[in-house]
Every structure is written in structure tokens, then in C-alpha cells.
Amino acid sequence: MSAPEPKLTEGWGVIRPGDRKAHYYRETFSLCRTRGFYTYDLSPDDSPSPDDCKACRKVLDREAATK
């Protein structure tokens, strides 16, 4: 029996009803701080998409540039 995969705590969330764009979540809050308490599955895919929240993408790009 294999061990269960650990739940991601960081990644892109699906576009929920009421959201215009997909947000990037850490723990349960979006990087743009407009969305919170996201408890659904997250996607580790980090390739840019036109569906991404521009503010979340900007924070991610800034963090990548400083690494």
C-alpha cells in the first residue's frame, strides 16, 4: 500500500463561480490578497496562462527574479 500524496499548499486554483481569473494560492490565501479560504485542489503548473490573475502572476514573477 502506497502512502497518500501530500496535499499541495501552494499552486493555481481553479476558476470558481464569481472569479474572473485563476488565482495563485499559498496556504489558503491568494497572492493578490483578493481571495481567501481556498480549500480545493491546487495545480502545481506554473506556466503563464491568459486565465491567470495579473496581480498573482506579477508577485510570482517578482519572486522568481529575486531567486
C-alpha atoms as a PDB file:
ATOM      1  CA  MET A   1       0.000   0.000   0.000  1.00  0.00           C
ATOM      2  CA  SER A   2       1.482   3.348  -1.033  1.00  0.00           C
ATOM      3  CA  ALA A   3       1.497   6.451   1.095  1.00  0.00           C
ATOM      4  CA  PRO A   4      -1.063   9.097   0.155  1.00  0.00           C
ATOM      5  CA  GLU A   5       0.282  12.066  -1.787  1.00  0.00           C
ATOM      6  CA  PRO A   6       0.724  15.150   0.370  1.00  0.00           C
ATOM      7  CA  LYS A   7      -1.821  17.882  -0.292  1.00  0.00           C
ATOM      8  CA  LEU A   8      -0.332  20.874  -2.094  1.00  0.00           C
ATOM      9  CA  THR A   9      -0.244  24.056  -0.035  1.00  0.00           C
ATOM     10  CA  GLU A  10       0.722  26.266  -2.975  1.00  0.00           C
ATOM     11  CA  GLY A  11      -0.449  26.496  -6.586  1.00  0.00           C
ATOM     12  CA  TRP A  12      -3.048  27.765  -9.025  1.00  0.00           C
ATOM     13  CA  GLY A  13      -6.658  27.257  -8.045  1.00  0.00           C
ATOM     14  CA  VAL A  14      -9.496  26.572 -10.410  1.00  0.00           C
ATOM     15  CA  ILE A  15     -11.686  29.433 -11.507  1.00  0.00           C
ATOM     16  CA  ARG A  16     -14.640  29.315  -9.135  1.00  0.00           C
ATOM     17  CA  PRO A  17     -18.026  30.895  -9.800  1.00  0.00           C
ATOM     18  CA  GLY A  18     -17.583  34.606  -9.223  1.00  0.00           C
ATOM     19  CA  ASP A  19     -13.883  34.589 -10.158  1.00  0.00           C
ATOM     20  CA  ARG A  20     -12.875  36.055 -13.492  1.00  0.00           C
ATOM     21  CA  LYS A  21      -9.338  34.664 -13.357  1.00  0.00           C
ATOM     22  CA  ALA A  22      -7.428  31.813 -11.731  1.00  0.00           C
ATOM     23  CA  HIS A  23      -5.571  32.872  -8.576  1.00  0.00           C
ATOM     24  CA  TYR A  24      -2.327  31.528  -7.113  1.00  0.00           C
ATOM     25  CA  TYR A  25      -2.780  30.374  -3.517  1.00  0.00           C
ATOM     26  CA  ARG A  26      -0.335  29.884  -0.665  1.00  0.00           C
ATOM     27  CA  GLU A  27      -1.869  28.064   2.237  1.00  0.00           C
ATOM     28  CA  THR A  28      -5.443  29.334   1.754  1.00  0.00           C
ATOM     29  CA  PHE A  29      -4.888  32.935   0.542  1.00  0.00           C
ATOM     30  CA  SER A  30      -4.273  34.253  -2.966  1.00  0.00           C
ATOM     31  CA  LEU A  31      -1.056  36.176  -3.612  1.00  0.00           C
ATOM     32  CA  CYS A  32      -3.086  39.191  -4.744  1.00  0.00           C
ATOM     33  CA  ARG A  33      -4.938  39.046  -1.397  1.00  0.00           C
ATOM     34  CA  THR A  34      -8.353  39.426  -3.003  1.00  0.00           C
ATOM     35  CA  ARG A  35      -9.376  35.807  -2.392  1.00  0.00           C
ATOM     36  CA  GLY A  36      -9.042  33.636   0.665  1.00  0.00           C
ATOM     37  CA  PHE A  37     -10.023  30.393   2.316  1.00  0.00           C
ATOM     38  CA  TYR A  38      -9.456  28.282  -0.800  1.00  0.00           C
ATOM     39  CA  THR A  39      -9.609  24.608   0.174  1.00  0.00           C
ATOM     40  CA  TYR A  40      -9.973  22.864  -3.198  1.00  0.00           C
ATOM     41  CA  ASP A  41      -7.224  21.076  -5.116  1.00  0.00           C
ATOM     42  CA  LEU A  42      -4.334  23.181  -6.405  1.00  0.00           C
ATOM     43  CA  SER A  43      -2.400  22.815  -9.643  1.00  0.00           C
ATOM     44  CA  PRO A  44       1.409  22.938  -9.441  1.00  0.00           C
ATOM     45  CA  ASP A  45       1.576  24.063 -13.102  1.00  0.00           C
ATOM     46  CA  ASP A  46       3.367  27.412 -13.213  1.00  0.00           C
ATOM     47  CA  SER A  47       3.351  28.136 -16.947  1.00  0.00           C
ATOM     48  CA  PRO A  48       1.763  31.502 -17.806  1.00  0.00           C
ATOM     49  CA  SER A  49      -1.828  31.453 -18.990  1.00  0.00           C
ATOM     50  CA  PRO A  50      -4.229  34.188 -20.124  1.00  0.00           C
ATOM     51  CA  ASP A  51      -6.552  32.945 -17.364  1.00  0.00           C
ATOM     52  CA  ASP A  52      -4.075  33.905 -14.605  1.00  0.00           C
ATOM     53  CA  CYS A  53      -4.793  36.785 -12.254  1.00  0.00           C
ATOM     54  CA  LYS A  54      -2.358  39.511 -13.338  1.00  0.00           C
ATOM     55  CA  ALA A  55      -1.591  40.559  -9.752  1.00  0.00           C
ATOM     56  CA  CYS A  56      -0.824  36.965  -8.679  1.00  0.00           C
ATOM     57  CA  ARG A  57       1.385  36.446 -11.758  1.00  0.00           C
ATOM     58  CA  LYS A  58       3.256  39.698 -11.034  1.00  0.00           C
ATOM     59  CA  VAL A  59       4.082  38.564  -7.490  1.00  0.00           C
ATOM     60  CA  LEU A  60       5.286  35.170  -8.764  1.00  0.00           C
ATOM     61  CA  ASP A  61       7.439  36.753 -11.482  1.00  0.00           C
ATOM     62  CA  ARG A  62       8.965  39.183  -8.966  1.00  0.00           C
ATOM     63  CA  GLU A  63       9.795  36.312  -6.589  1.00  0.00           C
ATOM     64  CA  ALA A  64      11.363  34.288  -9.428  1.00  0.00           C
ATOM     65  CA  ALA A  65      13.539  37.255 -10.426  1.00  0.00           C
ATOM     66  CA  THR A  66      14.943  37.608  -6.897  1.00  0.00           C
ATOM     67  CA  LYS A  67      15.905  33.928  -6.598  1.00  0.00           C
END
